[in-house]
């Protein structure tokens, strides 16, 4: 059941897209974009968030590659034999209803096809850095799309569900759907006070317990949930939801 309408973007002026180095994975065709190394202030820097987005704190990340889009059903089916998605009919729809066990199997197939390369889910810090176009002071990951093209209007016309990846304008690093379409898995263990324990360099919160996080908002939730800093749905890694997908990170060589 749809909770409410999603995806309203805060910034109205077009952002220039910065030319980026890219690499296409040969088995599936997933396009990866290199994120530059850098430091940024992670967390709720706009005063719009919740306690678990506090305190804002500086983190520094090494360079990494991240998918330009959420992994699509066409890409998924080139590596594994089943498609768990609730919303089908177009290879460019993002794969939904995947849990972290499914994703581990997908990553195994990519690793077999690409010896020496390391694929994984992004950390929270990497995901937010990418959403904010290398850590800039941006609340949402992209710009307001033309009238009639955003996820909220799509949901009103067509009901629940996803849209093909790339339906909305990218952020200025050329990444699509960081705010909206599907929520995305990240790899950190959830804790409400995780930011108080982050290391300064390349943080990833590890602790006892099964809880994981989703980032980025989706068709199922309203605009506030699609903020880059929003930490949501601390759930078990075996959980499946038709509003959840993922994108991958490739470690830099």
Protein backbone atom coordinates (compact mmCIF):
# COMPACT_ATOMS: atom_id res chain seq x y z
CA UNK A 1 0.00 0.00 0.00
CA UNK A 2 1.41 3.39 -0.97
CA UNK A 3 2.11 5.50 2.09
CA UNK A 4 2.13 8.84 0.31
CA UNK A 5 3.54 10.59 -2.72
CA UNK A 6 7.33 10.73 -3.19
CA UNK A 7 10.13 12.68 -4.72
CA UNK A 8 9.99 16.44 -4.53
CA UNK A 9 13.37 18.07 -5.04
CA UNK A 10 14.53 21.17 -3.22
CA UNK A 11 16.76 22.88 -5.77
CA UNK A 12 15.25 24.35 -8.92
CA UNK A 13 18.17 25.69 -10.97
CA UNK A 14 19.75 23.05 -13.24
CA UNK A 15 22.99 21.59 -11.97
CA UNK A 16 25.79 21.17 -14.49
CA UNK A 17 26.85 17.55 -14.89
CA UNK A 18 30.56 17.11 -14.23
CA UNK A 19 32.39 14.83 -16.66
CA UNK A 20 33.32 11.62 -14.85
CA UNK A 21 35.43 8.55 -15.51
CA UNK A 22 33.20 5.51 -16.08
CA UNK A 23 33.53 1.73 -16.41
CA UNK A 24 30.96 -0.77 -17.68
CA UNK A 25 30.88 -4.24 -16.12
CA UNK A 26 30.98 -6.72 -19.04
CA UNK A 27 28.60 -9.44 -17.78
CA UNK A 28 25.64 -7.25 -16.88
CA UNK A 29 26.43 -3.89 -18.47
CA UNK A 30 26.19 -2.00 -15.15
CA UNK A 31 27.79 1.41 -15.59
CA UNK A 32 29.98 2.58 -12.73
CA UNK A 33 31.06 6.20 -12.15
CA UNK A 34 34.23 7.01 -10.27
CA UNK A 35 33.71 9.14 -7.17
CA UNK A 36 36.69 11.34 -6.31
CA UNK A 37 38.33 11.05 -2.93
CA UNK A 38 37.25 13.81 -0.57
CA UNK A 39 35.95 15.01 2.78
CA UNK A 40 32.48 16.31 3.64
CA UNK A 41 30.15 16.97 6.56
CA UNK A 42 27.89 13.91 6.86
CA UNK A 43 24.47 14.06 8.53
CA UNK A 44 21.59 16.49 8.79
CA UNK A 45 23.13 19.85 7.92
CA UNK A 46 19.77 21.47 7.03
CA UNK A 47 17.94 21.02 10.34
CA UNK A 48 15.25 18.89 8.68
CA UNK A 49 16.19 15.47 9.99
CA UNK A 50 15.88 13.17 12.96
CA UNK A 51 18.05 12.37 15.97
CA UNK A 52 19.74 9.44 14.24
CA UNK A 53 21.14 11.86 11.60
CA UNK A 54 23.06 13.72 14.32
CA UNK A 55 25.63 15.00 14.89
CA UNK A 56 26.87 16.37 11.56
CA UNK A 57 30.51 15.31 11.38
CA UNK A 58 33.35 15.41 8.91
CA UNK A 59 34.32 12.17 7.19
CA UNK A 60 36.93 11.58 4.51
CA UNK A 61 36.60 8.90 1.84
CA UNK A 62 38.98 7.31 -0.57
CA UNK A 63 37.97 7.14 -4.23
CA UNK A 64 35.42 4.48 -5.21
CA UNK A 65 33.13 3.60 -8.11
CA UNK A 66 29.33 3.55 -7.77
CA UNK A 67 26.52 2.52 -10.11
CA UNK A 68 25.10 5.35 -12.20
CA UNK A 69 21.65 3.79 -11.71
CA UNK A 70 19.95 1.38 -9.36
CA UNK A 71 20.59 -2.17 -10.64
CA UNK A 72 17.97 -2.93 -13.28
CA UNK A 73 16.04 -6.13 -13.84
CA UNK A 74 17.77 -6.60 -17.19
CA UNK A 75 21.18 -6.39 -15.50
CA UNK A 76 20.08 -8.66 -12.67
CA UNK A 77 18.80 -11.39 -15.01
CA UNK A 78 22.13 -11.54 -16.85
CA UNK A 79 23.78 -12.77 -13.66
CA UNK A 80 21.14 -14.78 -11.76
CA UNK A 81 18.29 -17.03 -12.82
CA UNK A 82 15.39 -15.52 -10.87
CA UNK A 83 13.78 -12.10 -10.74
CA UNK A 84 12.08 -11.36 -7.41
CA UNK A 85 10.58 -8.05 -8.54
CA UNK A 86 6.96 -7.12 -7.97
CA UNK A 87 6.98 -4.54 -10.80
CA UNK A 88 7.98 -6.08 -14.13
CA UNK A 89 7.55 -5.54 -17.85
CA UNK A 90 10.60 -3.43 -18.69
CA UNK A 91 14.26 -4.40 -18.42
CA UNK A 92 15.06 -0.83 -17.35
CA UNK A 93 12.92 -1.04 -14.22
CA UNK A 94 15.08 -1.35 -11.11
CA UNK A 95 15.07 -4.77 -9.50
CA UNK A 96 12.94 -4.63 -6.35
CA UNK A 97 12.12 -7.02 -3.48
CA UNK A 98 15.76 -8.07 -3.11
CA UNK A 99 17.32 -8.73 0.25
CA UNK A 100 20.98 -8.71 1.17
CA UNK A 101 21.28 -12.47 0.73
CA UNK A 102 20.07 -12.15 -2.87
CA UNK A 103 22.53 -9.31 -3.44
CA UNK A 104 25.39 -11.41 -2.07
CA UNK A 105 24.62 -14.04 -4.72
CA UNK A 106 24.55 -11.39 -7.44
CA UNK A 107 27.89 -10.01 -6.26
CA UNK A 108 29.37 -13.52 -6.29
CA UNK A 109 28.48 -13.88 -9.98
CA UNK A 110 30.01 -10.49 -10.79
CA UNK A 111 33.18 -11.43 -8.90
CA UNK A 112 33.43 -14.71 -10.84
CA UNK A 113 33.15 -12.78 -14.10
CA UNK A 114 35.67 -10.11 -13.02
CA UNK A 115 38.61 -11.71 -11.19
CA UNK A 116 40.47 -9.26 -9.01
CA UNK A 117 37.61 -6.75 -8.76
CA UNK A 118 35.72 -6.17 -5.51
CA UNK A 119 31.99 -5.38 -5.65
CA UNK A 120 29.85 -4.58 -2.59
CA UNK A 121 27.05 -2.47 -1.19
CA UNK A 122 28.03 1.11 -0.38
CA UNK A 123 28.60 2.24 3.15
CA UNK A 124 26.31 4.94 4.51
CA UNK A 125 29.09 7.48 4.20
CA UNK A 126 29.80 6.55 0.57
CA UNK A 127 26.12 6.54 -0.33
CA UNK A 128 25.47 9.98 1.16
CA UNK A 129 28.65 11.39 -0.41
CA UNK A 130 27.49 10.17 -3.83
CA UNK A 131 23.93 11.42 -3.31
CA UNK A 132 25.28 14.85 -2.48
CA UNK A 133 27.52 14.90 -5.57
CA UNK A 134 30.80 14.42 -3.71
CA UNK A 135 29.54 15.85 -0.44
CA UNK A 136 28.16 19.22 -1.50
CA UNK A 137 25.54 20.97 0.62
CA UNK A 138 22.56 19.46 -1.21
CA UNK A 139 19.42 18.14 0.44
CA UNK A 140 18.30 15.89 -2.43
CA UNK A 141 20.11 13.89 -5.07
CA UNK A 142 19.13 15.64 -8.27
CA UNK A 143 16.82 18.33 -9.56
CA UNK A 144 13.08 18.78 -9.93
CA UNK A 145 12.08 16.99 -13.14
CA UNK A 146 9.72 18.52 -15.72
CA UNK A 147 6.02 18.70 -14.91
CA UNK A 148 4.38 15.32 -15.37
CA UNK A 149 7.63 13.36 -15.06
CA UNK A 150 8.25 13.05 -11.33
CA UNK A 151 7.53 9.98 -9.25
CA UNK A 152 4.66 11.58 -7.33
CA UNK A 153 2.74 12.43 -10.48
CA UNK A 154 3.52 8.99 -11.92
CA UNK A 155 2.10 7.36 -8.80
CA UNK A 156 -1.05 9.48 -9.01
CA UNK A 157 -1.64 8.45 -12.61
CA UNK A 158 -0.57 4.83 -12.47
CA UNK A 159 -0.75 3.75 -8.84
CA UNK A 160 2.04 2.05 -6.95
CA UNK A 161 5.34 1.07 -8.46
CA UNK A 162 8.65 2.00 -9.96
CA UNK A 163 9.69 3.81 -13.13
CA UNK A 164 12.61 2.97 -15.46
CA UNK A 165 15.98 4.08 -14.15
CA UNK A 166 17.10 7.42 -15.51
CA UNK A 167 13.55 8.79 -15.70
CA UNK A 168 14.59 11.76 -13.56
CA UNK A 169 17.47 14.22 -14.01
CA UNK A 170 20.79 13.21 -12.41
CA UNK A 171 22.79 14.99 -9.78
CA UNK A 172 25.82 16.91 -10.98
CA UNK A 173 28.00 13.80 -10.87
CA UNK A 174 25.62 12.08 -13.27
CA UNK A 175 24.00 9.68 -10.77
CA UNK A 176 20.28 8.98 -11.19
CA UNK A 177 17.53 8.10 -8.69
CA UNK A 178 19.58 8.74 -5.56
CA UNK A 179 16.44 10.44 -4.24
CA UNK A 180 13.41 8.36 -5.14
CA UNK A 181 12.29 5.42 -7.29
CA UNK A 182 13.46 2.70 -4.84
CA UNK A 183 14.99 2.77 -1.40
CA UNK A 184 18.53 1.34 -1.51
CA UNK A 185 20.35 -1.04 0.82
CA UNK A 186 23.63 0.07 2.46
CA UNK A 187 26.06 -2.15 4.33
CA UNK A 188 26.34 -0.57 7.80
CA UNK A 189 24.86 -2.13 10.93
CA UNK A 190 22.18 0.23 12.25
CA UNK A 191 22.58 2.10 15.52
CA UNK A 192 20.76 5.35 16.35
CA UNK A 193 24.01 6.84 17.67
CA UNK A 194 26.32 5.43 15.00
CA UNK A 195 27.59 8.86 13.99
CA UNK A 196 29.02 9.39 17.47
CA UNK A 197 31.26 6.37 16.87
CA UNK A 198 32.30 7.00 13.27
CA UNK A 199 35.95 7.01 12.38
CA UNK A 200 37.09 10.08 10.48
CA UNK A 201 38.32 8.09 7.47
CA UNK A 202 36.12 5.69 5.47
CA UNK A 203 33.64 4.98 8.30
CA UNK A 204 31.39 1.93 8.37
CA UNK A 205 29.48 1.15 11.55
CA UNK A 206 29.90 -2.46 12.67
CA UNK A 207 28.17 -3.81 15.79
CA UNK A 208 26.21 -6.76 17.14
CA UNK A 209 22.71 -7.20 15.81
CA UNK A 210 21.00 -7.75 12.47
CA UNK A 211 19.62 -4.29 11.75
CA UNK A 212 20.51 -2.68 8.41
CA UNK A 213 19.54 0.59 6.75
CA UNK A 214 17.86 1.91 3.64
CA UNK A 215 18.72 5.19 1.94
CA UNK A 216 17.26 7.48 -0.68
CA UNK A 217 13.49 7.30 -0.43
CA UNK A 218 11.21 5.72 -2.99
CA UNK A 219 7.80 5.61 -4.62
CA UNK A 220 6.31 4.41 -1.32
CA UNK A 221 7.14 7.45 0.82
CA UNK A 222 6.83 11.22 0.72
CA UNK A 223 9.51 13.74 -0.20
CA UNK A 224 11.04 14.15 3.24
CA UNK A 225 12.20 10.54 3.18
CA UNK A 226 14.27 11.11 0.03
CA UNK A 227 16.71 13.55 1.64
CA UNK A 228 20.34 12.51 1.15
CA UNK A 229 20.93 12.36 4.91
CA UNK A 230 17.82 10.33 5.78
CA UNK A 231 18.51 7.01 7.60
CA UNK A 232 15.50 4.71 7.44
CA UNK A 233 14.02 1.27 8.05
CA UNK A 234 16.48 -0.48 10.31
CA UNK A 235 15.48 -3.99 9.26
CA UNK A 236 16.92 -7.48 8.95
CA UNK A 237 19.11 -8.20 5.91
CA UNK A 238 16.74 -11.05 4.92
CA UNK A 239 13.73 -8.70 4.60
CA UNK A 240 12.07 -8.12 1.22
CA UNK A 241 10.05 -5.06 0.27
CA UNK A 242 8.68 -4.05 -3.12
CA UNK A 243 9.95 -0.51 -2.51
CA UNK A 244 13.60 -1.57 -1.96
CA UNK A 245 16.42 -2.11 -4.46
CA UNK A 246 20.14 -1.36 -4.52
CA UNK A 247 23.14 -0.03 -6.38
CA UNK A 248 26.67 -1.36 -6.09
CA UNK A 249 30.09 0.01 -5.31
CA UNK A 250 33.28 -1.18 -6.97
CA UNK A 251 36.44 -0.61 -4.97
CA UNK A 252 39.07 1.48 -6.71
CA UNK A 253 42.18 -0.40 -7.73
